[in-house]
C-alpha atoms as a PDB file:
ATOM      1  CA  MET A   1      29.773 -18.412 -46.517  1.00  0.00           C
ATOM      2  CA  THR A   2      32.381 -20.815 -45.247  1.00  0.00           C
ATOM      3  CA  GLY A   3      31.340 -24.072 -43.673  1.00  0.00           C
ATOM      4  CA  VAL A   4      32.826 -23.060 -40.303  1.00  0.00           C
ATOM      5  CA  LEU A   5      30.890 -19.765 -40.284  1.00  0.00           C
ATOM      6  CA  ALA A   6      27.735 -21.572 -41.391  1.00  0.00           C
ATOM      7  CA  HIS A   7      28.131 -23.937 -38.471  1.00  0.00           C
ATOM      8  CA  HIS A   8      28.530 -21.042 -36.033  1.00  0.00           C
ATOM      9  CA  LEU A   9      25.456 -19.326 -37.521  1.00  0.00           C
ATOM     10  CA  MET A  10      23.474 -22.542 -37.054  1.00  0.00           C
ATOM     11  CA  ARG A  11      24.584 -22.815 -33.415  1.00  0.00           C
ATOM     12  CA  ALA A  12      23.983 -19.123 -32.686  1.00  0.00           C
ATOM     13  CA  ALA A  13      20.454 -19.239 -34.153  1.00  0.00           C
ATOM     14  CA  LEU A  14      19.571 -22.357 -32.196  1.00  0.00           C
ATOM     15  CA  ALA A  15      21.115 -21.101 -28.951  1.00  0.00           C
ATOM     16  CA  ARG A  16      19.459 -17.683 -29.022  1.00  0.00           C
ATOM     17  CA  TYR A  17      16.159 -18.366 -30.810  1.00  0.00           C
ATOM     18  CA  GLY A  18      15.703 -22.139 -31.089  1.00  0.00           C
ATOM     19  CA  LYS A  19      15.339 -21.822 -34.869  1.00  0.00           C
ATOM     20  CA  ARG A  20      17.404 -22.283 -38.018  1.00  0.00           C
ATOM     21  CA  TYR A  21      19.255 -19.230 -39.242  1.00  0.00           C
ATOM     22  CA  ASP A  22      17.128 -19.018 -42.435  1.00  0.00           C
ATOM     23  CA  GLN A  23      13.973 -18.955 -40.273  1.00  0.00           C
ATOM     24  CA  LEU A  24      15.027 -15.783 -38.432  1.00  0.00           C
ATOM     25  CA  ASP A  25      13.788 -12.303 -39.274  1.00  0.00           C
ATOM     26  CA  GLY A  26      16.206  -9.529 -40.192  1.00  0.00           C
ATOM     27  CA  ALA A  27      16.909  -8.308 -36.651  1.00  0.00           C
ATOM     28  CA  GLU A  28      17.309 -11.852 -35.367  1.00  0.00           C
ATOM     29  CA  GLN A  29      19.706 -12.707 -38.190  1.00  0.00           C
ATOM     30  CA  ARG A  30      21.831  -9.664 -37.398  1.00  0.00           C
ATOM     31  CA  ARG A  31      22.054 -10.689 -33.735  1.00  0.00           C
ATOM     32  CA  ALA A  32      22.849 -14.319 -34.611  1.00  0.00           C
ATOM     33  CA  ASP A  33      25.428 -13.136 -37.147  1.00  0.00           C
ATOM     34  CA  ALA A  34      27.146 -11.009 -34.480  1.00  0.00           C
ATOM     35  CA  ASP A  35      27.145 -13.953 -32.054  1.00  0.00           C
ATOM     36  CA  ALA A  36      28.533 -16.319 -34.681  1.00  0.00           C
ATOM     37  CA  ARG A  37      31.294 -13.989 -35.820  1.00  0.00           C
ATOM     38  CA  HIS A  38      32.329 -13.283 -32.231  1.00  0.00           C
ATOM     39  CA  ALA A  39      32.451 -17.018 -31.506  1.00  0.00           C
ATOM     40  CA  LEU A  40      34.488 -17.525 -34.656  1.00  0.00           C
ATOM     41  CA  ARG A  41      37.013 -14.867 -33.577  1.00  0.00           C
ATOM     42  CA  VAL A  42      37.354 -16.335 -30.091  1.00  0.00           C
ATOM     43  CA  GLU A  43      37.706 -19.815 -31.559  1.00  0.00           C
ATOM     44  CA  ALA A  44      40.440 -18.593 -33.905  1.00  0.00           C
ATOM     45  CA  LEU A  45      42.353 -17.024 -31.020  1.00  0.00           C
ATOM     46  CA  VAL A  46      42.198 -20.273 -29.072  1.00  0.00           C
ATOM     47  CA  LEU A  47      43.420 -22.309 -32.026  1.00  0.00           C
ATOM     48  CA  GLU A  48      46.232 -19.859 -32.769  1.00  0.00           C
ATOM     49  CA  SER A  49      47.464 -19.856 -29.158  1.00  0.00           C
ATOM     50  CA  ALA A  50      50.727 -21.394 -28.002  1.00  0.00           C
ATOM     51  CA  GLU A  51      48.706 -23.939 -26.021  1.00  0.00           C
ATOM     52  CA  ALA A  52      47.145 -25.241 -29.231  1.00  0.00           C
ATOM     53  CA  ALA A  53      50.524 -26.300 -30.603  1.00  0.00           C
ATOM     54  CA  GLY A  54      50.675 -30.026 -31.053  1.00  0.00           C
ATOM     55  CA  VAL A  55      46.955 -30.590 -30.409  1.00  0.00           C
ATOM     56  CA  VAL A  56      45.708 -33.269 -32.770  1.00  0.00           C
ATOM     57  CA  ILE A  57      42.242 -34.819 -32.821  1.00  0.00           C
ATOM     58  CA  PRO A  58      42.295 -38.578 -33.434  1.00  0.00           C
ATOM     59  CA  GLU A  59      40.317 -39.609 -36.495  1.00  0.00           C
ATOM     60  CA  ARG A  60      38.203 -42.004 -34.431  1.00  0.00           C
ATOM     61  CA  SER A  61      37.147 -39.166 -32.094  1.00  0.00           C
ATOM     62  CA  LEU A  62      36.124 -36.992 -35.008  1.00  0.00           C
ATOM     63  CA  THR A  63      34.211 -39.843 -36.640  1.00  0.00           C
ATOM     64  CA  GLN A  64      32.443 -40.652 -33.373  1.00  0.00           C
ATOM     65  CA  THR A  65      31.387 -37.022 -32.913  1.00  0.00           C
ATOM     66  CA  PHE A  66      30.153 -36.789 -36.500  1.00  0.00           C
ATOM     67  CA  GLU A  67      28.139 -39.981 -36.055  1.00  0.00           C
ATOM     68  CA  GLU A  68      26.658 -38.679 -32.802  1.00  0.00           C
ATOM     69  CA  VAL A  69      25.425 -35.573 -34.625  1.00  0.00           C
ATOM     70  CA  SER A  70      24.013 -37.472 -37.599  1.00  0.00           C
ATOM     71  CA  GLY A  71      22.450 -40.003 -35.240  1.00  0.00           C
ATOM     72  CA  ARG A  72      20.141 -37.332 -33.813  1.00  0.00           C
ATOM     73  CA  TYR A  73      18.172 -37.358 -37.052  1.00  0.00           C
ATOM     74  CA  GLU A  74      15.496 -39.876 -37.946  1.00  0.00           C
ATOM     75  CA  SER A  75      17.173 -40.660 -41.262  1.00  0.00           C
ATOM     76  CA  LEU A  76      20.221 -39.814 -43.352  1.00  0.00           C
ATOM     77  CA  ASP A  77      17.933 -37.934 -45.763  1.00  0.00           C
ATOM     78  CA  ALA A  78      16.693 -35.752 -42.908  1.00  0.00           C
ATOM     79  CA  PHE A  79      20.289 -35.157 -41.834  1.00  0.00           C
ATOM     80  CA  ALA A  80      21.328 -34.172 -45.372  1.00  0.00           C
ATOM     81  CA  ALA A  81      18.325 -31.866 -45.739  1.00  0.00           C
ATOM     82  CA  ASP A  82      19.099 -30.060 -42.489  1.00  0.00           C
ATOM     83  CA  LEU A  83      22.741 -29.641 -43.461  1.00  0.00           C
ATOM     84  CA  LYS A  84      21.690 -28.116 -46.772  1.00  0.00           C
ATOM     85  CA  ALA A  85      19.217 -25.777 -45.066  1.00  0.00           C
ATOM     86  CA  ASN A  86      22.029 -24.559 -42.825  1.00  0.00           C
ATOM     87  CA  GLY A  87      24.504 -24.060 -45.671  1.00  0.00           C
ATOM     88  CA  LEU A  88      26.568 -27.095 -44.697  1.00  0.00           C
ATOM     89  CA  THR A  89      27.806 -30.278 -46.313  1.00  0.00           C
ATOM     90  CA  PRO A  90      29.009 -33.428 -44.541  1.00  0.00           C
ATOM     91  CA  GLU A  91      32.574 -32.353 -45.293  1.00  0.00           C
ATOM     92  CA  SER A  92      32.178 -28.796 -43.969  1.00  0.00           C
ATOM     93  CA  LEU A  93      30.373 -30.067 -40.862  1.00  0.00           C
ATOM     94  CA  ARG A  94      33.192 -32.494 -40.254  1.00  0.00           C
ATOM     95  CA  SER A  95      35.703 -29.659 -40.546  1.00  0.00           C
ATOM     96  CA  ALA A  96      33.707 -27.479 -38.129  1.00  0.00           C
ATOM     97  CA  LEU A  97      33.419 -30.339 -35.634  1.00  0.00           C
ATOM     98  CA  GLU A  98      37.167 -30.918 -35.813  1.00  0.00           C
ATOM     99  CA  ARG A  99      37.728 -27.280 -34.869  1.00  0.00           C
ATOM    100  CA  GLU A 100      35.306 -27.633 -31.952  1.00  0.00           C
ATOM    101  CA  LEU A 101      37.107 -30.712 -30.698  1.00  0.00           C
ATOM    102  CA  MET A 102      40.417 -28.906 -30.941  1.00  0.00           C
ATOM    103  CA  VAL A 103      39.017 -25.998 -28.928  1.00  0.00           C
ATOM    104  CA  ASP A 104      37.787 -28.547 -26.372  1.00  0.00           C
ATOM    105  CA  ALA A 105      41.244 -30.040 -26.140  1.00  0.00           C
ATOM    106  CA  VAL A 106      42.987 -26.684 -25.764  1.00  0.00           C
ATOM    107  CA  LEU A 107      40.566 -25.496 -23.065  1.00  0.00           C
ATOM    108  CA  GLU A 108      40.989 -28.770 -21.215  1.00  0.00           C
ATOM    109  CA  LYS A 109      44.761 -28.396 -21.477  1.00  0.00           C
ATOM    110  CA  VAL A 110      44.494 -24.898 -20.000  1.00  0.00           C
ATOM    111  CA  ALA A 111      42.130 -26.036 -17.236  1.00  0.00           C
ATOM    112  CA  SER A 112      44.538 -28.809 -16.283  1.00  0.00           C
ATOM    113  CA  MET A 113      47.071 -26.117 -15.321  1.00  0.00           C
ATOM    114  CA  ALA A 114      44.915 -25.171 -12.312  1.00  0.00           C
ATOM    115  CA  PRO A 115      46.688 -25.922  -9.019  1.00  0.00           C
ATOM    116  CA  GLU A 116      45.330 -28.861  -7.031  1.00  0.00           C
ATOM    117  CA  ALA A 117      43.528 -28.139  -3.768  1.00  0.00           C
ATOM    118  CA  ASP A 118      45.641 -29.484  -0.930  1.00  0.00           C
ATOM    119  CA  GLU A 119      44.275 -31.242   2.145  1.00  0.00           C
ATOM    120  CA  ALA A 120      44.724 -28.214   4.406  1.00  0.00           C
ATOM    121  CA  GLU A 121      42.705 -25.992   2.080  1.00  0.00           C
ATOM    122  CA  VAL A 122      39.897 -28.527   1.797  1.00  0.00           C
ATOM    123  CA  ARG A 123      39.811 -29.058   5.559  1.00  0.00           C
ATOM    124  CA  GLY A 124      39.894 -25.321   6.167  1.00  0.00           C
ATOM    125  CA  TRP A 125      36.858 -24.768   3.948  1.00  0.00           C
ATOM    126  CA  TYR A 126      34.991 -27.567   5.706  1.00  0.00           C
ATOM    127  CA  ASP A 127      35.759 -26.114   9.154  1.00  0.00           C
ATOM    128  CA  ALA A 128      34.762 -22.607   8.052  1.00  0.00           C
ATOM    129  CA  HIS A 129      31.328 -23.657   6.701  1.00  0.00           C
ATOM    130  CA  PRO A 130      29.850 -26.126   9.210  1.00  0.00           C
ATOM    131  CA  MET A 131      26.236 -25.248   8.342  1.00  0.00           C
ATOM    132  CA  LYS A 132      26.740 -26.472   4.789  1.00  0.00           C
ATOM    133  CA  PHE A 133      27.356 -29.987   6.069  1.00  0.00           C
ATOM    134  CA  GLN A 134      24.346 -30.614   8.267  1.00  0.00           C
ATOM    135  CA  ALA A 135      22.652 -33.937   7.469  1.00  0.00           C
ATOM    136  CA  PRO A 136      19.103 -34.995   8.440  1.00  0.00           C
ATOM    137  CA  GLU A 137      18.368 -38.198  10.307  1.00  0.00           C
ATOM    138  CA  THR A 138      18.605 -41.242   8.048  1.00  0.00           C
ATOM    139  CA  ARG A 139      17.891 -44.906   8.562  1.00  0.00           C
ATOM    140  CA  THR A 140      19.338 -48.084   7.130  1.00  0.00           C
ATOM    141  CA  VAL A 141      16.327 -50.176   6.207  1.00  0.00           C
ATOM    142  CA  ARG A 142      15.364 -53.606   4.893  1.00  0.00           C
ATOM    143  CA  HIS A 143      11.936 -54.647   3.684  1.00  0.00           C
ATOM    144  CA  ILE A 144       9.982 -57.654   2.519  1.00  0.00           C
ATOM    145  CA  LEU A 145       7.444 -57.142  -0.266  1.00  0.00           C
ATOM    146  CA  VAL A 146       4.539 -59.362  -1.287  1.00  0.00           C
ATOM    147  CA  THR A 147       2.842 -57.938  -4.359  1.00  0.00           C
ATOM    148  CA  ILE A 148      -0.884 -57.950  -5.115  1.00  0.00           C
ATOM    149  CA  ASN A 149      -1.791 -59.403  -8.500  1.00  0.00           C
ATOM    150  CA  ASP A 150      -5.227 -60.843  -9.283  1.00  0.00           C
ATOM    151  CA  ASP A 151      -3.767 -62.840 -12.181  1.00  0.00           C
ATOM    152  CA  ILE A 152      -1.695 -64.993  -9.814  1.00  0.00           C
ATOM    153  CA  PRO A 153      -3.662 -67.024  -7.233  1.00  0.00           C
ATOM    154  CA  GLU A 154      -1.073 -66.724  -4.429  1.00  0.00           C
ATOM    155  CA  ASN A 155      -0.840 -62.973  -5.024  1.00  0.00           C
ATOM    156  CA  ARG A 156      -4.520 -62.170  -4.949  1.00  0.00           C
ATOM    157  CA  ARG A 157      -5.177 -59.673  -2.200  1.00  0.00           C
ATOM    158  CA  ALA A 158      -6.453 -62.077   0.481  1.00  0.00           C
ATOM    159  CA  ALA A 159      -3.757 -64.670  -0.230  1.00  0.00           C
ATOM    160  CA  ALA A 160      -1.024 -62.014  -0.284  1.00  0.00           C
ATOM    161  CA  ARG A 161      -2.183 -60.719   3.084  1.00  0.00           C
ATOM    162  CA  VAL A 162      -2.075 -64.213   4.581  1.00  0.00           C
ATOM    163  CA  ARG A 163       1.476 -64.674   3.254  1.00  0.00           C
ATOM    164  CA  ILE A 164       2.789 -61.359   4.606  1.00  0.00           C
ATOM    165  CA  ASP A 165       1.117 -61.963   7.989  1.00  0.00           C
ATOM    166  CA  GLY A 166       2.783 -65.364   8.164  1.00  0.00           C
ATOM    167  CA  LEU A 167       6.194 -63.801   7.576  1.00  0.00           C
ATOM    168  CA  LYS A 168       5.485 -61.178  10.234  1.00  0.00           C
ATOM    169  CA  ALA A 169       4.565 -63.938  12.709  1.00  0.00           C
ATOM    170  CA  ASP A 170       7.798 -65.772  11.866  1.00  0.00           C
ATOM    171  CA  LEU A 171       9.794 -62.630  12.676  1.00  0.00           C
ATOM    172  CA  ALA A 172       7.938 -62.153  15.935  1.00  0.00           C
ATOM    173  CA  GLY A 173       9.408 -65.417  17.171  1.00  0.00           C
ATOM    174  CA  ALA A 174      13.032 -64.413  16.532  1.00  0.00           C
ATOM    175  CA  ALA A 175      15.299 -63.399  19.401  1.00  0.00           C
ATOM    176  CA  PRO A 176      16.398 -59.724  19.226  1.00  0.00           C
ATOM    177  CA  GLU A 177      20.008 -60.673  18.491  1.00  0.00           C
ATOM    178  CA  ASP A 178      18.878 -62.931  15.620  1.00  0.00           C
ATOM    179  CA  LEU A 179      16.252 -60.615  14.138  1.00  0.00           C
ATOM    180  CA  GLY A 180      18.473 -58.984  11.490  1.00  0.00           C
ATOM    181  CA  ALA A 181      19.766 -62.290  10.134  1.00  0.00           C
ATOM    182  CA  ARG A 182      16.282 -63.794  10.230  1.00  0.00           C
ATOM    183  CA  PHE A 183      14.789 -60.842   8.370  1.00  0.00           C
ATOM    184  CA  ALA A 184      17.478 -60.984   5.668  1.00  0.00           C
ATOM    185  CA  ASP A 185      16.907 -64.730   5.218  1.00  0.00           C
ATOM    186  CA  LEU A 186      13.139 -64.345   4.865  1.00  0.00           C
ATOM    187  CA  ALA A 187      13.578 -61.439   2.448  1.00  0.00           C
ATOM    188  CA  LEU A 188      15.941 -63.501   0.305  1.00  0.00           C
ATOM    189  CA  ARG A 189      13.470 -66.373   0.132  1.00  0.00           C
ATOM    190  CA  HIS A 190      10.115 -64.603   0.030  1.00  0.00           C
ATOM    191  CA  SER A 191      10.373 -60.924  -0.935  1.00  0.00           C
ATOM    192  CA  GLU A 192       9.191 -60.024  -4.452  1.00  0.00           C
ATOM    193  CA  CYS A 193      11.390 -56.934  -4.681  1.00  0.00           C
ATOM    194  CA  PRO A 194      14.794 -56.966  -6.458  1.00  0.00           C
ATOM    195  CA  SER A 195      16.282 -56.015  -3.074  1.00  0.00           C
ATOM    196  CA  ALA A 196      15.586 -59.618  -2.002  1.00  0.00           C
ATOM    197  CA  LEU A 197      18.981 -60.517  -3.476  1.00  0.00           C
ATOM    198  CA  GLU A 198      20.558 -58.318  -0.784  1.00  0.00           C
ATOM    199  CA  GLY A 199      18.387 -59.602   2.038  1.00  0.00           C
ATOM    200  CA  GLY A 200      15.787 -56.886   1.432  1.00  0.00           C
ATOM    201  CA  ARG A 201      18.283 -54.089   2.028  1.00  0.00           C
ATOM    202  CA  LEU A 202      17.155 -50.726   0.635  1.00  0.00           C
ATOM    203  CA  GLY A 203      20.159 -48.918   2.079  1.00  0.00           C
ATOM    204  CA  ARG A 204      20.408 -45.700   4.061  1.00  0.00           C
ATOM    205  CA  VAL A 205      17.511 -43.366   3.361  1.00  0.00           C
ATOM    206  CA  PRO A 206      16.272 -39.961   4.581  1.00  0.00           C
ATOM    207  CA  ALA A 207      12.638 -39.211   5.274  1.00  0.00           C
ATOM    208  CA  GLY A 208      10.637 -38.696   2.084  1.00  0.00           C
ATOM    209  CA  LYS A 209      12.501 -41.098  -0.179  1.00  0.00           C
ATOM    210  CA  LEU A 210      10.269 -44.170   0.214  1.00  0.00           C
ATOM    211  CA  TYR A 211       6.513 -44.547  -0.092  1.00  0.00           C
ATOM    212  CA  PRO A 212       4.795 -42.251   2.470  1.00  0.00           C
ATOM    213  CA  GLU A 213       3.136 -45.284   4.069  1.00  0.00           C
ATOM    214  CA  ILE A 214       6.549 -46.898   4.627  1.00  0.00           C
ATOM    215  CA  ASP A 215       8.074 -43.608   5.769  1.00  0.00           C
ATOM    216  CA  ARG A 216       5.524 -43.197   8.532  1.00  0.00           C
ATOM    217  CA  VAL A 217       6.277 -46.656   9.886  1.00  0.00           C
ATOM    218  CA  LEU A 218      10.039 -46.589   9.392  1.00  0.00           C
ATOM    219  CA  PHE A 219      10.704 -43.271  11.100  1.00  0.00           C
ATOM    220  CA  ALA A 220       8.613 -44.251  14.117  1.00  0.00           C
ATOM    221  CA  LEU A 221      10.619 -47.439  14.756  1.00  0.00           C
ATOM    222  CA  ALA A 222      13.425 -47.885  17.226  1.00  0.00           C
ATOM    223  CA  GLU A 223      16.741 -49.211  15.929  1.00  0.00           C
ATOM    224  CA  GLY A 224      16.573 -52.983  15.440  1.00  0.00           C
ATOM    225  CA  ALA A 225      12.760 -53.067  15.356  1.00  0.00           C
ATOM    226  CA  VAL A 226      10.281 -54.474  12.823  1.00  0.00           C
ATOM    227  CA  GLY A 227       7.150 -52.524  11.917  1.00  0.00           C
ATOM    228  CA  ASP A 228       3.600 -53.685  11.351  1.00  0.00           C
ATOM    229  CA  VAL A 229       2.515 -54.755   7.872  1.00  0.00           C
ATOM    230  CA  VAL A 230       1.983 -51.717   5.661  1.00  0.00           C
ATOM    231  CA  GLU A 231       0.291 -51.497   2.268  1.00  0.00           C
ATOM    232  CA  THR A 232       1.398 -49.334  -0.671  1.00  0.00           C
ATOM    233  CA  GLU A 233       0.556 -49.331  -4.356  1.00  0.00           C
ATOM    234  CA  ALA A 234       3.331 -51.941  -4.761  1.00  0.00           C
ATOM    235  CA  GLY A 235       1.758 -54.402  -2.317  1.00  0.00           C
ATOM    236  CA  PHE A 236       2.268 -55.430   1.313  1.00  0.00           C
ATOM    237  CA  HIS A 237       5.537 -54.646   3.125  1.00  0.00           C
ATOM    238  CA  ILE A 238       7.281 -55.474   6.349  1.00  0.00           C
ATOM    239  CA  VAL A 239       9.942 -52.924   7.297  1.00  0.00           C
ATOM    240  CA  TYR A 240      13.011 -53.498   9.479  1.00  0.00           C
ATOM    241  CA  CYS A 241      14.893 -50.475  10.859  1.00  0.00           C
ATOM    242  CA  GLU A 242      18.441 -51.799  10.934  1.00  0.00           C
ATOM    243  CA  ILE A 243      20.309 -48.649  12.006  1.00  0.00           C
ATOM    244  CA  VAL A 244      19.225 -45.152  13.067  1.00  0.00           C
ATOM    245  CA  HIS A 245      21.702 -42.486  11.918  1.00  0.00           C
ATOM    246  CA  PRO A 246      20.980 -39.312  13.953  1.00  0.00           C
ATOM    247  CA  ALA A 247      20.953 -35.881  12.368  1.00  0.00           C
ATOM    248  CA  GLY A 248      24.266 -34.066  12.615  1.00  0.00           C
ATOM    249  CA  GLN A 249      27.269 -32.791  10.715  1.00  0.00           C
ATOM    250  CA  VAL A 250      28.534 -34.843   7.793  1.00  0.00           C
ATOM    251  CA  PRO A 251      32.022 -36.132   8.721  1.00  0.00           C
ATOM    252  CA  PHE A 252      34.921 -34.531   6.878  1.00  0.00           C
ATOM    253  CA  ALA A 253      35.840 -37.885   5.313  1.00  0.00           C
ATOM    254  CA  GLU A 254      32.437 -37.996   3.612  1.00  0.00           C
ATOM    255  CA  ALA A 255      32.488 -34.345   2.544  1.00  0.00           C
ATOM    256  CA  ARG A 256      36.111 -34.164   1.407  1.00  0.00           C
ATOM    257  CA  ASP A 257      35.726 -35.276  -2.212  1.00  0.00           C
ATOM    258  CA  ARG A 258      32.720 -33.011  -2.774  1.00  0.00           C
ATOM    259  CA  ILE A 259      34.574 -29.983  -1.413  1.00  0.00           C
ATOM    260  CA  ALA A 260      37.732 -30.773  -3.381  1.00  0.00           C
ATOM    261  CA  GLY A 261      35.693 -31.260  -6.547  1.00  0.00           C
ATOM    262  CA  ALA A 262      33.924 -27.910  -6.147  1.00  0.00           C
ATOM    263  CA  MET A 263      37.194 -26.145  -5.426  1.00  0.00           C
ATOM    264  CA  MET A 264      38.854 -27.655  -8.476  1.00  0.00           C
ATOM    265  CA  LYS A 265      35.902 -26.736 -10.699  1.00  0.00           C
ATOM    266  CA  LYS A 266      36.210 -23.079  -9.643  1.00  0.00           C
ATOM    267  CA  ARG A 267      39.977 -23.142 -10.093  1.00  0.00           C
ATOM    268  CA  ARG A 268      39.689 -24.663 -13.550  1.00  0.00           C
ATOM    269  CA  GLU A 269      37.132 -22.024 -14.548  1.00  0.00           C
ATOM    270  CA  LYS A 270      39.287 -19.216 -13.167  1.00  0.00           C
ATOM    271  CA  THR A 271      42.367 -20.567 -14.937  1.00  0.00           C
ATOM    272  CA  GLN A 272      40.469 -20.694 -18.223  1.00  0.00           C
ATOM    273  CA  THR A 273      38.992 -17.214 -17.764  1.00  0.00           C
ATOM    274  CA  ASN A 274      42.349 -15.653 -16.894  1.00  0.00           C
ATOM    275  CA  TRP A 275      43.962 -17.372 -19.851  1.00  0.00           C
ATOM    276  CA  MET A 276      41.238 -16.137 -22.186  1.00  0.00           C
ATOM    277  CA  ALA A 277      41.545 -12.616 -20.761  1.00  0.00           C
ATOM    278  CA  ALA A 278      45.253 -12.593 -21.554  1.00  0.00           C
ATOM    279  CA  LEU A 279      44.561 -13.951 -25.022  1.00  0.00           C
ATOM    280  CA  LEU A 280      41.989 -11.258 -25.784  1.00  0.00           C
ATOM    281  CA  LYS A 281      44.111  -8.519 -24.251  1.00  0.00           C
ATOM    282  CA  GLY A 282      46.885  -9.434 -26.637  1.00  0.00           C
ATOM    283  CA  ALA A 283      44.488  -9.300 -29.594  1.00  0.00           C
ATOM    284  CA  ALA A 284      42.630  -6.150 -28.485  1.00  0.00           C
ATOM    285  CA  PRO A 285      44.278  -4.375 -25.513  1.00  0.00           C
ATOM    286  CA  GLU A 286      41.324  -2.024 -25.029  1.00  0.00           C
ATOM    287  CA  ARG A 287      38.814  -4.868 -24.672  1.00  0.00           C
ATOM    288  CA  ALA A 288      37.929  -6.410 -21.298  1.00  0.00           C
ATOM    289  CA  ALA A 289      37.395 -10.150 -21.222  1.00  0.00           C
ATOM    290  CA  SER A 290      34.617 -11.958 -19.411  1.00  0.00           C
ATOM    291  CA  ARG A 291      33.407 -15.501 -18.763  1.00  0.00           C
ATOM    292  CA  ALA A 292      31.032 -14.959 -21.699  1.00  0.00           C
ATOM    293  CA  ASP A 293      33.985 -15.129 -24.064  1.00  0.00           C
ATOM    294  CA  LEU A 294      34.375 -18.765 -23.079  1.00  0.00           C
ATOM    295  CA  GLU A 295      30.669 -19.462 -22.860  1.00  0.00           C
ATOM    296  CA  VAL A 296      30.123 -18.183 -26.402  1.00  0.00           C
ATOM    297  CA  LEU A 297      32.073 -21.246 -27.534  1.00  0.00           C
ATOM    298  CA  GLY A 298      29.714 -23.467 -25.579  1.00  0.00           C
ATOM    299  CA  ARG A 299      32.692 -25.631 -24.661  1.00  0.00           C
ATOM    300  CA  THR A 300      33.786 -24.616 -21.148  1.00  0.00           C
ATOM    301  CA  VAL A 301      34.449 -26.860 -18.132  1.00  0.00           C
END
């Protein structure tokens, strides 16, 4: 058994049964053997293709991959024992990994031939699927947190409540046009949440992301309003609704990169699949190719 075949048998057994090849029964071994030999044939076709010409794996990349594999084991002895159980040596594993990396590189080279999605295509898809870009109401929110901790005198429950009520009273005296700046200043100086460094800003959130107690207060506030003190398992909070973002369609500018990325992923996959189909047709004209021929390698985009 060659090291490369042993490596494919190991991968096939793990992928299909979650066990080592030598732990499989007769029927399982026959199925894993068929999987491994098919993967080996597909791998060989990829590496013998015109696109593989000139592909070289840098030594540092191979070493890094080898170390990543060995690093999954609790010790070098455990690593060596598992290699032996799978019919491998460090040298044969290294050779098998080099082949895998070369397959990776060839498939990436093929995928890179996919045509880029132009702006008109991306915009056209966005316009044709408006329901896919509906966004719920969100709110930009800041908060001030005073934690409850019986080990710290000023954070014992009663003292913490007095402190948070004092901050709420301070905010009540601010003019509406000054409320945001005042809230950010108090958060910076008094909040015990890491967000204090950004004036208590938690960012733009949809319903359901924060503590339920905060959610109920936040989504009942008008824009530019401060809520009553609320308690969660983290402590006491004051919440400031900075901006209300109504529900509606996500603007094209926000959706563009996501659409383009999805389009390119499909194009890359199609380019790979078509290339593999041509490769297999040349090797066995009567055989139809499928996405599984790429997936059997476990190395697709």
